Amino acid sequence: MGKGKLVTTFFPDDSTQTPLIVDGRTLTDDMNMAVIYHNPLDNVDKMANIFFDRCLLNKVTPFIVTKKTVFKWQEEFWKIMKTEFDKNWREKFNKQHILDK
């Protein structure tokens, strides 16, 4: 790709809804690459439970670090992880004083 404008647009199946521009940017260099991928969130709760279970088993404070500026789906990911932690894991970690460290 060269210089120009790159626009990522979501077109809903419901044709009565307006398409949504997910990302738009100006490419100012002659050398560019675009990577777009779909990340379904339907397995985040399962992954969260496996992750928190392993942390608890090993008595390790769970830290989740990602780059929020790169992944637009990040906010929903964090909501799911926090919901699972608060609902199923926080009390267990507190009982073992793992979060106090």
N, C-alpha and C. Protein backbone atom coordinates (compact mmCIF):
# COMPACT_ATOMS: atom_id res chain seq x y z
N MET A 1 0.84 -1.18 0.00
CA MET A 1 0.00 0.00 0.00
C MET A 1 0.88 1.23 0.00
N GLY A 2 0.34 2.28 -0.51
CA GLY A 2 1.05 3.55 -0.49
C GLY A 2 0.32 4.57 0.35
N LYS A 3 0.56 5.84 0.06
CA LYS A 3 -0.11 6.92 0.78
C LYS A 3 -1.59 6.91 0.43
N GLY A 4 -2.41 7.33 1.39
CA GLY A 4 -3.85 7.39 1.14
C GLY A 4 -4.64 7.31 2.43
N LYS A 5 -5.90 6.98 2.31
CA LYS A 5 -6.79 6.86 3.47
C LYS A 5 -7.25 5.41 3.57
N LEU A 6 -7.19 4.87 4.80
CA LEU A 6 -7.64 3.51 5.07
C LEU A 6 -8.84 3.59 6.00
N VAL A 7 -9.95 2.96 5.61
CA VAL A 7 -11.17 3.00 6.41
C VAL A 7 -11.67 1.57 6.61
N THR A 8 -11.90 1.22 7.86
CA THR A 8 -12.49 -0.08 8.20
C THR A 8 -13.95 0.18 8.59
N THR A 9 -14.88 -0.43 7.88
CA THR A 9 -16.31 -0.17 8.08
C THR A 9 -17.06 -1.45 8.38
N PHE A 10 -17.94 -1.38 9.38
CA PHE A 10 -18.82 -2.51 9.72
C PHE A 10 -20.18 -2.25 9.09
N PHE A 11 -20.67 -3.24 8.34
CA PHE A 11 -21.98 -3.15 7.71
C PHE A 11 -22.91 -4.14 8.40
N PRO A 12 -23.86 -3.65 9.23
CA PRO A 12 -24.77 -4.54 9.95
C PRO A 12 -25.64 -5.36 9.00
N ASP A 13 -25.98 -6.57 9.43
CA ASP A 13 -26.90 -7.40 8.64
C ASP A 13 -28.25 -6.72 8.47
N ASP A 14 -28.65 -5.97 9.49
CA ASP A 14 -29.91 -5.24 9.44
C ASP A 14 -29.70 -4.00 8.56
N SER A 15 -30.23 -4.05 7.36
CA SER A 15 -29.97 -2.97 6.39
C SER A 15 -30.60 -1.65 6.80
N THR A 16 -31.42 -1.64 7.85
CA THR A 16 -32.00 -0.38 8.30
C THR A 16 -31.01 0.41 9.17
N GLN A 17 -29.95 -0.27 9.61
CA GLN A 17 -28.94 0.41 10.42
C GLN A 17 -27.84 0.99 9.52
N THR A 18 -27.29 2.09 9.96
CA THR A 18 -26.23 2.76 9.23
C THR A 18 -24.90 2.04 9.42
N PRO A 19 -24.12 1.88 8.36
CA PRO A 19 -22.78 1.31 8.54
C PRO A 19 -21.97 2.14 9.53
N LEU A 20 -21.06 1.49 10.24
CA LEU A 20 -20.27 2.13 11.28
C LEU A 20 -18.79 2.09 10.91
N ILE A 21 -18.16 3.25 10.87
CA ILE A 21 -16.72 3.28 10.63
C ILE A 21 -16.03 2.91 11.93
N VAL A 22 -15.33 1.78 11.91
CA VAL A 22 -14.63 1.27 13.08
C VAL A 22 -13.31 1.98 13.25
N ASP A 23 -12.64 2.25 12.16
CA ASP A 23 -11.35 2.92 12.21
C ASP A 23 -11.12 3.63 10.89
N GLY A 24 -10.52 4.78 10.95
CA GLY A 24 -10.13 5.50 9.74
C GLY A 24 -8.84 6.23 10.01
N ARG A 25 -7.93 6.14 9.09
CA ARG A 25 -6.64 6.81 9.29
C ARG A 25 -6.03 7.18 7.95
N THR A 26 -5.17 8.19 8.01
CA THR A 26 -4.43 8.63 6.84
C THR A 26 -3.08 7.96 6.84
N LEU A 27 -2.75 7.34 5.73
CA LEU A 27 -1.45 6.67 5.57
C LEU A 27 -0.52 7.66 4.89
N THR A 28 0.49 8.08 5.62
CA THR A 28 1.36 9.14 5.11
C THR A 28 2.67 8.61 4.52
N ASP A 29 2.93 7.32 4.67
CA ASP A 29 4.16 6.73 4.16
C ASP A 29 3.87 5.97 2.86
N ASP A 30 4.92 5.72 2.11
CA ASP A 30 4.77 4.90 0.91
C ASP A 30 4.69 3.42 1.25
N MET A 31 5.22 3.04 2.41
CA MET A 31 5.25 1.64 2.82
C MET A 31 4.28 1.46 4.00
N ASN A 32 3.19 0.73 3.79
CA ASN A 32 2.18 0.49 4.83
C ASN A 32 1.70 -0.94 4.75
N MET A 33 1.13 -1.37 5.84
CA MET A 33 0.49 -2.68 5.88
C MET A 33 -0.72 -2.55 6.80
N ALA A 34 -1.80 -3.19 6.47
CA ALA A 34 -3.00 -3.18 7.31
C ALA A 34 -3.30 -4.61 7.73
N VAL A 35 -3.60 -4.77 9.01
CA VAL A 35 -3.97 -6.07 9.55
C VAL A 35 -5.30 -5.89 10.27
N ILE A 36 -6.29 -6.64 9.85
CA ILE A 36 -7.61 -6.57 10.48
C ILE A 36 -8.02 -8.00 10.82
N TYR A 37 -8.47 -8.21 12.05
CA TYR A 37 -8.94 -9.54 12.39
C TYR A 37 -10.15 -9.46 13.30
N HIS A 38 -10.89 -10.52 13.31
CA HIS A 38 -12.11 -10.63 14.09
C HIS A 38 -11.79 -11.43 15.35
N ASN A 39 -12.15 -10.89 16.50
CA ASN A 39 -11.88 -11.56 17.76
C ASN A 39 -13.19 -11.74 18.51
N PRO A 40 -13.84 -12.91 18.36
CA PRO A 40 -15.10 -13.12 19.08
C PRO A 40 -14.86 -13.16 20.58
N LEU A 41 -15.76 -12.55 21.33
CA LEU A 41 -15.61 -12.47 22.78
C LEU A 41 -16.36 -13.59 23.51
N ASP A 42 -16.90 -14.54 22.77
CA ASP A 42 -17.72 -15.57 23.41
C ASP A 42 -16.93 -16.58 24.22
N ASN A 43 -15.61 -16.53 24.17
CA ASN A 43 -14.82 -17.48 24.96
C ASN A 43 -14.00 -16.80 26.06
N VAL A 44 -14.14 -15.48 26.22
CA VAL A 44 -13.33 -14.76 27.20
C VAL A 44 -13.65 -15.23 28.62
N ASP A 45 -14.92 -15.49 28.92
CA ASP A 45 -15.27 -15.94 30.28
C ASP A 45 -14.62 -17.28 30.60
N LYS A 46 -14.57 -18.18 29.64
CA LYS A 46 -13.91 -19.48 29.86
C LYS A 46 -12.41 -19.29 30.07
N MET A 47 -11.80 -18.45 29.23
CA MET A 47 -10.38 -18.17 29.37
C MET A 47 -10.09 -17.51 30.71
N ALA A 48 -10.95 -16.59 31.13
CA ALA A 48 -10.77 -15.90 32.42
C ALA A 48 -10.75 -16.90 33.56
N ASN A 49 -11.69 -17.83 33.55
CA ASN A 49 -11.77 -18.80 34.63
C ASN A 49 -10.55 -19.72 34.67
N ILE A 50 -10.05 -20.11 33.52
CA ILE A 50 -8.84 -20.93 33.47
C ILE A 50 -7.66 -20.13 34.01
N PHE A 51 -7.55 -18.88 33.58
CA PHE A 51 -6.45 -18.01 34.01
C PHE A 51 -6.49 -17.79 35.53
N PHE A 52 -7.65 -17.40 36.06
CA PHE A 52 -7.75 -17.12 37.49
C PHE A 52 -7.56 -18.38 38.31
N ASP A 53 -8.02 -19.51 37.82
CA ASP A 53 -7.83 -20.77 38.52
C ASP A 53 -6.34 -21.11 38.64
N ARG A 54 -5.61 -20.93 37.57
CA ARG A 54 -4.17 -21.22 37.58
C ARG A 54 -3.42 -20.25 38.50
N CYS A 55 -3.82 -18.98 38.49
CA CYS A 55 -3.19 -18.01 39.38
C CYS A 55 -3.46 -18.38 40.84
N LEU A 56 -4.69 -18.74 41.15
CA LEU A 56 -5.04 -19.10 42.52
C LEU A 56 -4.29 -20.35 42.95
N LEU A 57 -4.25 -21.34 42.10
CA LEU A 57 -3.55 -22.59 42.39
C LEU A 57 -2.08 -22.34 42.71
N ASN A 58 -1.47 -21.42 41.99
CA ASN A 58 -0.05 -21.12 42.18
C ASN A 58 0.20 -19.93 43.11
N LYS A 59 -0.89 -19.42 43.70
CA LYS A 59 -0.81 -18.29 44.64
C LYS A 59 -0.09 -17.08 44.02
N VAL A 60 -0.52 -16.74 42.82
CA VAL A 60 0.07 -15.64 42.06
C VAL A 60 -1.00 -14.57 41.85
N THR A 61 -0.62 -13.32 42.04
CA THR A 61 -1.54 -12.21 41.77
C THR A 61 -1.81 -12.14 40.27
N PRO A 62 -3.07 -12.14 39.87
CA PRO A 62 -3.37 -12.08 38.43
C PRO A 62 -3.19 -10.66 37.89
N PHE A 63 -2.38 -10.54 36.86
CA PHE A 63 -2.20 -9.28 36.15
C PHE A 63 -2.52 -9.53 34.69
N ILE A 64 -3.29 -8.65 34.11
CA ILE A 64 -3.62 -8.75 32.69
C ILE A 64 -3.16 -7.46 32.05
N VAL A 65 -2.22 -7.56 31.14
CA VAL A 65 -1.66 -6.38 30.51
C VAL A 65 -1.83 -6.51 29.00
N THR A 66 -2.46 -5.52 28.41
CA THR A 66 -2.60 -5.46 26.95
C THR A 66 -2.45 -4.00 26.54
N LYS A 67 -2.34 -3.78 25.27
CA LYS A 67 -2.19 -2.42 24.77
C LYS A 67 -3.54 -1.93 24.27
N LYS A 68 -4.20 -1.14 25.08
CA LYS A 68 -5.56 -0.70 24.81
C LYS A 68 -5.67 0.16 23.55
N THR A 69 -4.62 0.84 23.17
CA THR A 69 -4.70 1.69 21.98
C THR A 69 -4.71 0.90 20.69
N VAL A 70 -4.31 -0.35 20.74
CA VAL A 70 -4.24 -1.17 19.54
C VAL A 70 -5.55 -1.90 19.29
N PHE A 71 -6.13 -2.45 20.33
CA PHE A 71 -7.31 -3.30 20.18
C PHE A 71 -8.58 -2.57 20.58
N LYS A 72 -9.43 -2.28 19.61
CA LYS A 72 -10.66 -1.54 19.87
C LYS A 72 -11.66 -2.37 20.69
N TRP A 73 -11.54 -3.70 20.67
CA TRP A 73 -12.45 -4.56 21.43
C TRP A 73 -12.05 -4.67 22.88
N GLN A 74 -10.98 -4.02 23.26
CA GLN A 74 -10.40 -4.14 24.60
C GLN A 74 -11.40 -3.89 25.73
N GLU A 75 -12.22 -2.88 25.62
CA GLU A 75 -13.12 -2.51 26.71
C GLU A 75 -14.06 -3.66 27.07
N GLU A 76 -14.63 -4.30 26.08
CA GLU A 76 -15.54 -5.43 26.36
C GLU A 76 -14.77 -6.60 26.97
N PHE A 77 -13.55 -6.84 26.52
CA PHE A 77 -12.69 -7.88 27.09
C PHE A 77 -12.49 -7.63 28.58
N TRP A 78 -12.14 -6.38 28.95
CA TRP A 78 -11.92 -6.03 30.35
C TRP A 78 -13.17 -6.20 31.18
N LYS A 79 -14.33 -5.82 30.63
CA LYS A 79 -15.59 -5.96 31.36
C LYS A 79 -15.86 -7.42 31.69
N ILE A 80 -15.65 -8.29 30.72
CA ILE A 80 -15.89 -9.73 30.93
C ILE A 80 -14.92 -10.28 31.96
N MET A 81 -13.64 -9.95 31.83
CA MET A 81 -12.64 -10.43 32.79
C MET A 81 -12.97 -9.95 34.21
N LYS A 82 -13.32 -8.68 34.36
CA LYS A 82 -13.64 -8.13 35.68
C LYS A 82 -14.89 -8.77 36.25
N THR A 83 -15.90 -8.96 35.42
CA THR A 83 -17.14 -9.60 35.88
C THR A 83 -16.85 -11.00 36.41
N GLU A 84 -16.09 -11.77 35.66
CA GLU A 84 -15.74 -13.13 36.10
C GLU A 84 -14.93 -13.10 37.40
N PHE A 85 -13.97 -12.19 37.47
CA PHE A 85 -13.14 -12.11 38.67
C PHE A 85 -13.98 -11.73 39.89
N ASP A 86 -14.78 -10.68 39.75
CA ASP A 86 -15.59 -10.22 40.87
C ASP A 86 -16.62 -11.26 41.30
N LYS A 87 -17.19 -11.93 40.35
CA LYS A 87 -18.26 -12.91 40.64
C LYS A 87 -17.71 -14.22 41.21
N ASN A 88 -16.64 -14.72 40.64
CA ASN A 88 -16.20 -16.08 40.97
C ASN A 88 -14.85 -16.19 41.68
N TRP A 89 -14.04 -15.13 41.67
CA TRP A 89 -12.66 -15.30 42.12
C TRP A 89 -12.18 -14.35 43.21
N ARG A 90 -12.68 -13.15 43.28
CA ARG A 90 -12.17 -12.15 44.22
C ARG A 90 -12.17 -12.67 45.66
N GLU A 91 -13.26 -13.26 46.09
CA GLU A 91 -13.35 -13.77 47.46
C GLU A 91 -12.31 -14.87 47.72
N LYS A 92 -12.11 -15.74 46.75
CA LYS A 92 -11.13 -16.82 46.89
C LYS A 92 -9.71 -16.26 47.02
N PHE A 93 -9.40 -15.24 46.21
CA PHE A 93 -8.07 -14.62 46.30
C PHE A 93 -7.91 -13.88 47.62
N ASN A 94 -8.97 -13.20 48.06
CA ASN A 94 -8.90 -12.49 49.34
C ASN A 94 -8.72 -13.44 50.51
N LYS A 95 -9.39 -14.58 50.46
CA LYS A 95 -9.25 -15.57 51.55
C LYS A 95 -7.81 -16.06 51.70
N GLN A 96 -7.10 -16.14 50.59
CA GLN A 96 -5.71 -16.59 50.62
C GLN A 96 -4.73 -15.40 50.70
N HIS A 97 -5.25 -14.19 50.83
CA HIS A 97 -4.45 -12.97 50.95
C HIS A 97 -3.48 -12.77 49.79
N ILE A 98 -3.84 -13.27 48.64
CA ILE A 98 -2.97 -13.14 47.47
C ILE A 98 -2.97 -11.72 46.94
N LEU A 99 -4.09 -11.03 47.05
CA LEU A 99 -4.17 -9.67 46.53
C LEU A 99 -3.52 -8.65 47.44
N ASP A 100 -3.17 -9.06 48.67
CA ASP A 100 -2.53 -8.16 49.63
C ASP A 100 -1.07 -7.92 49.33
N LYS A 101 -0.49 -8.76 48.48
CA LYS A 101 0.96 -8.72 48.24
C LYS A 101 1.34 -7.59 47.31
